[in-house]
């Protein structure tokens, strides 16, 4: 089992923030903490959905691939939350 270090946590949060920020540009929202939370949740949701649907994004850069996957998932999370709150 891999150990958790500060660099790994920082990258995890940076990817979450970038994904949440991209999603907020498309569906609205904002704020640092909200972007991180939505992006981190979106990373899990996006990874699950794309894997379940057998969809490959086709981006060769692994970090950019994670950010786009997280943004897709974050958009889904925000839209579902809005539907449930409606």
N, C-alpha and C. Protein backbone atom coordinates (compact mmCIF):
# COMPACT_ATOMS: atom_id res chain seq x y z
N UNK A 1 0.84 -1.17 0.00
CA UNK A 1 0.00 0.00 0.00
C UNK A 1 0.89 1.23 0.00
N UNK A 2 0.56 2.22 -0.85
CA UNK A 2 1.37 3.43 -0.94
C UNK A 2 1.14 4.33 0.26
N UNK A 3 2.20 5.05 0.61
CA UNK A 3 2.04 5.97 1.74
C UNK A 3 1.61 7.34 1.22
N UNK A 4 0.92 8.05 2.06
CA UNK A 4 0.42 9.37 1.70
C UNK A 4 1.46 10.40 2.11
N UNK A 5 1.86 11.24 1.17
CA UNK A 5 2.82 12.29 1.48
C UNK A 5 2.22 13.64 1.12
N UNK A 6 2.88 14.69 1.53
CA UNK A 6 2.36 16.04 1.32
C UNK A 6 2.26 16.38 -0.16
N UNK A 7 3.22 15.93 -0.96
CA UNK A 7 3.19 16.21 -2.39
C UNK A 7 1.98 15.55 -3.05
N UNK A 8 1.68 14.32 -2.68
CA UNK A 8 0.53 13.62 -3.24
C UNK A 8 -0.78 14.30 -2.89
N UNK A 9 -0.89 14.74 -1.66
CA UNK A 9 -2.11 15.44 -1.22
C UNK A 9 -2.23 16.77 -1.97
N UNK A 10 -1.11 17.48 -2.14
CA UNK A 10 -1.14 18.75 -2.85
C UNK A 10 -1.57 18.57 -4.31
N UNK A 11 -1.06 17.55 -4.96
CA UNK A 11 -1.44 17.28 -6.36
C UNK A 11 -2.91 16.90 -6.43
N UNK A 12 -3.36 16.05 -5.49
CA UNK A 12 -4.76 15.63 -5.42
C UNK A 12 -5.68 16.84 -5.30
N UNK A 13 -5.35 17.77 -4.40
CA UNK A 13 -6.17 18.96 -4.21
C UNK A 13 -6.08 19.91 -5.39
N UNK A 14 -4.91 20.01 -6.02
CA UNK A 14 -4.75 20.87 -7.19
C UNK A 14 -5.57 20.35 -8.37
N UNK A 15 -5.57 19.05 -8.57
CA UNK A 15 -6.39 18.45 -9.63
C UNK A 15 -7.87 18.68 -9.33
N UNK A 16 -8.26 18.50 -8.08
CA UNK A 16 -9.64 18.75 -7.68
C UNK A 16 -10.04 20.19 -7.90
N UNK A 17 -9.15 21.12 -7.55
CA UNK A 17 -9.46 22.54 -7.76
C UNK A 17 -9.59 22.85 -9.24
N UNK A 18 -8.66 22.36 -10.05
CA UNK A 18 -8.71 22.64 -11.49
C UNK A 18 -9.99 22.07 -12.11
N UNK A 19 -10.35 20.86 -11.73
CA UNK A 19 -11.57 20.24 -12.25
C UNK A 19 -12.80 21.02 -11.80
N UNK A 20 -12.85 21.41 -10.54
CA UNK A 20 -13.97 22.19 -10.02
C UNK A 20 -14.06 23.56 -10.67
N UNK A 21 -12.92 24.17 -10.91
CA UNK A 21 -12.89 25.48 -11.56
C UNK A 21 -13.41 25.39 -12.99
N UNK A 22 -12.97 24.37 -13.73
CA UNK A 22 -13.46 24.18 -15.10
C UNK A 22 -14.98 23.95 -15.10
N UNK A 23 -15.45 23.14 -14.18
CA UNK A 23 -16.89 22.88 -14.09
C UNK A 23 -17.64 24.16 -13.75
N UNK A 24 -17.09 24.98 -12.87
CA UNK A 24 -17.77 26.22 -12.49
C UNK A 24 -17.84 27.20 -13.65
N UNK A 25 -16.88 27.14 -14.57
CA UNK A 25 -16.95 27.99 -15.76
C UNK A 25 -18.13 27.60 -16.64
N UNK A 26 -18.44 26.31 -16.67
CA UNK A 26 -19.49 25.82 -17.55
C UNK A 26 -20.88 25.84 -16.91
N UNK A 27 -20.98 25.53 -15.64
CA UNK A 27 -22.29 25.42 -15.01
C UNK A 27 -22.50 26.40 -13.86
N UNK A 28 -21.55 27.26 -13.62
CA UNK A 28 -21.68 28.26 -12.56
C UNK A 28 -21.18 27.75 -11.23
N UNK A 29 -21.06 28.65 -10.32
CA UNK A 29 -20.54 28.31 -9.00
C UNK A 29 -19.27 29.09 -8.76
N UNK A 30 -18.60 28.76 -7.71
CA UNK A 30 -17.35 29.45 -7.44
C UNK A 30 -16.89 29.27 -6.03
N UNK A 31 -15.75 29.83 -5.76
CA UNK A 31 -15.15 29.75 -4.45
C UNK A 31 -14.12 28.64 -4.38
N UNK A 32 -13.03 28.91 -3.73
CA UNK A 32 -11.91 27.97 -3.65
C UNK A 32 -12.32 26.65 -3.03
N UNK A 33 -12.92 26.69 -1.87
CA UNK A 33 -13.27 25.46 -1.16
C UNK A 33 -14.33 24.68 -1.93
N UNK A 34 -15.33 25.39 -2.46
CA UNK A 34 -16.37 24.70 -3.23
C UNK A 34 -15.79 24.05 -4.47
N UNK A 35 -14.89 24.74 -5.16
CA UNK A 35 -14.27 24.17 -6.35
C UNK A 35 -13.47 22.91 -6.00
N UNK A 36 -12.75 22.94 -4.90
CA UNK A 36 -11.97 21.76 -4.48
C UNK A 36 -12.91 20.60 -4.16
N UNK A 37 -13.95 20.86 -3.38
CA UNK A 37 -14.86 19.78 -2.99
C UNK A 37 -15.57 19.20 -4.21
N UNK A 38 -16.10 20.06 -5.06
CA UNK A 38 -16.81 19.59 -6.25
C UNK A 38 -15.84 18.87 -7.18
N UNK A 39 -14.63 19.38 -7.32
CA UNK A 39 -13.65 18.74 -8.18
C UNK A 39 -13.21 17.38 -7.69
N UNK A 40 -12.99 17.25 -6.38
CA UNK A 40 -12.59 15.96 -5.81
C UNK A 40 -13.73 14.95 -5.95
N UNK A 41 -14.94 15.36 -5.61
CA UNK A 41 -16.09 14.46 -5.80
C UNK A 41 -16.26 14.12 -7.28
N UNK A 42 -16.10 15.13 -8.12
CA UNK A 42 -16.23 14.93 -9.55
C UNK A 42 -15.19 13.99 -10.12
N UNK A 43 -14.01 13.97 -9.54
CA UNK A 43 -12.97 13.05 -10.01
C UNK A 43 -13.39 11.61 -9.80
N UNK A 44 -13.99 11.33 -8.66
CA UNK A 44 -14.48 9.98 -8.41
C UNK A 44 -15.66 9.64 -9.32
N UNK A 45 -16.60 10.57 -9.43
CA UNK A 45 -17.79 10.34 -10.26
C UNK A 45 -17.39 10.21 -11.73
N UNK A 46 -16.55 11.11 -12.21
CA UNK A 46 -16.12 11.07 -13.61
C UNK A 46 -15.36 9.80 -13.92
N UNK A 47 -14.45 9.40 -13.03
CA UNK A 47 -13.72 8.16 -13.24
C UNK A 47 -14.64 6.95 -13.29
N UNK A 48 -15.61 6.92 -12.40
CA UNK A 48 -16.56 5.81 -12.37
C UNK A 48 -17.41 5.79 -13.64
N UNK A 49 -17.97 6.95 -14.01
CA UNK A 49 -18.85 7.01 -15.18
C UNK A 49 -18.12 6.67 -16.48
N UNK A 50 -16.95 7.26 -16.67
CA UNK A 50 -16.22 7.00 -17.90
C UNK A 50 -15.76 5.55 -17.98
N UNK A 51 -15.38 4.99 -16.85
CA UNK A 51 -14.99 3.58 -16.83
C UNK A 51 -16.20 2.68 -17.09
N UNK A 52 -17.34 2.98 -16.48
CA UNK A 52 -18.54 2.17 -16.65
C UNK A 52 -19.04 2.22 -18.09
N UNK A 53 -18.90 3.39 -18.74
CA UNK A 53 -19.34 3.55 -20.11
C UNK A 53 -18.26 3.18 -21.13
N UNK A 54 -17.09 2.79 -20.61
CA UNK A 54 -15.94 2.41 -21.43
C UNK A 54 -15.55 3.54 -22.40
N UNK A 55 -15.51 4.76 -21.87
CA UNK A 55 -15.16 5.94 -22.66
C UNK A 55 -13.71 6.32 -22.35
N UNK A 56 -12.93 6.50 -23.39
CA UNK A 56 -11.54 6.96 -23.25
C UNK A 56 -11.47 8.39 -23.76
N UNK A 57 -10.90 9.27 -22.98
CA UNK A 57 -10.83 10.68 -23.35
C UNK A 57 -9.82 10.89 -24.48
N UNK A 58 -8.73 10.17 -24.46
CA UNK A 58 -7.74 10.26 -25.53
C UNK A 58 -6.70 11.34 -25.33
N UNK A 59 -6.54 11.80 -24.11
CA UNK A 59 -5.50 12.79 -23.80
C UNK A 59 -4.29 12.03 -23.29
N UNK A 60 -3.14 12.26 -23.91
CA UNK A 60 -1.95 11.47 -23.55
C UNK A 60 -1.29 11.93 -22.24
N UNK A 61 -1.53 13.17 -21.83
CA UNK A 61 -0.96 13.67 -20.59
C UNK A 61 -1.82 13.18 -19.42
N UNK A 62 -1.25 12.36 -18.52
CA UNK A 62 -2.06 11.78 -17.42
C UNK A 62 -2.68 12.84 -16.50
N UNK A 63 -1.95 13.90 -16.20
CA UNK A 63 -2.47 14.93 -15.31
C UNK A 63 -3.64 15.67 -15.96
N UNK A 64 -3.49 16.03 -17.20
CA UNK A 64 -4.58 16.70 -17.92
C UNK A 64 -5.77 15.77 -18.08
N UNK A 65 -5.51 14.49 -18.29
CA UNK A 65 -6.58 13.49 -18.38
C UNK A 65 -7.38 13.44 -17.08
N UNK A 66 -6.68 13.47 -15.94
CA UNK A 66 -7.36 13.46 -14.65
C UNK A 66 -8.19 14.72 -14.44
N UNK A 67 -7.67 15.87 -14.87
CA UNK A 67 -8.39 17.13 -14.71
C UNK A 67 -9.67 17.12 -15.54
N UNK A 68 -9.57 16.67 -16.79
CA UNK A 68 -10.76 16.65 -17.66
C UNK A 68 -11.78 15.64 -17.13
N UNK A 69 -11.30 14.48 -16.70
CA UNK A 69 -12.21 13.49 -16.12
C UNK A 69 -12.91 14.06 -14.89
N UNK A 70 -12.15 14.72 -14.04
CA UNK A 70 -12.73 15.35 -12.85
C UNK A 70 -13.73 16.44 -13.20
N UNK A 71 -13.44 17.22 -14.23
CA UNK A 71 -14.35 18.28 -14.64
C UNK A 71 -15.67 17.70 -15.16
N UNK A 72 -15.57 16.62 -15.93
CA UNK A 72 -16.79 15.96 -16.42
C UNK A 72 -17.62 15.47 -15.23
N UNK A 73 -16.96 14.82 -14.29
CA UNK A 73 -17.67 14.34 -13.11
C UNK A 73 -18.22 15.47 -12.27
N UNK A 74 -17.47 16.57 -12.16
CA UNK A 74 -17.93 17.71 -11.36
C UNK A 74 -19.17 18.34 -11.98
N UNK A 75 -19.22 18.40 -13.30
CA UNK A 75 -20.41 18.91 -13.97
C UNK A 75 -21.61 18.03 -13.65
N UNK A 76 -21.40 16.72 -13.68
CA UNK A 76 -22.48 15.78 -13.35
C UNK A 76 -22.93 15.99 -11.90
N UNK A 77 -21.97 16.12 -10.98
CA UNK A 77 -22.29 16.32 -9.56
C UNK A 77 -23.10 17.59 -9.36
N UNK A 78 -22.69 18.69 -9.99
CA UNK A 78 -23.40 19.96 -9.83
C UNK A 78 -24.81 19.86 -10.41
N UNK A 79 -24.94 19.26 -11.58
CA UNK A 79 -26.26 19.16 -12.22
C UNK A 79 -27.20 18.27 -11.39
N UNK A 80 -26.70 17.16 -10.88
CA UNK A 80 -27.53 16.29 -10.04
C UNK A 80 -27.93 17.01 -8.76
N UNK A 81 -27.00 17.74 -8.16
CA UNK A 81 -27.31 18.49 -6.94
C UNK A 81 -28.39 19.54 -7.21
N UNK A 82 -28.32 20.20 -8.36
CA UNK A 82 -29.33 21.21 -8.70
C UNK A 82 -30.69 20.56 -8.91
N UNK A 83 -30.70 19.41 -9.56
CA UNK A 83 -31.97 18.70 -9.78
C UNK A 83 -32.58 18.26 -8.46
N UNK A 84 -31.75 17.74 -7.56
CA UNK A 84 -32.26 17.30 -6.26
C UNK A 84 -32.72 18.46 -5.39
N UNK A 85 -32.08 19.60 -5.53
CA UNK A 85 -32.45 20.78 -4.73
C UNK A 85 -33.67 21.49 -5.30
N UNK A 86 -33.99 21.22 -6.52
CA UNK A 86 -35.11 21.86 -7.20
C UNK A 86 -36.38 21.34 -6.66
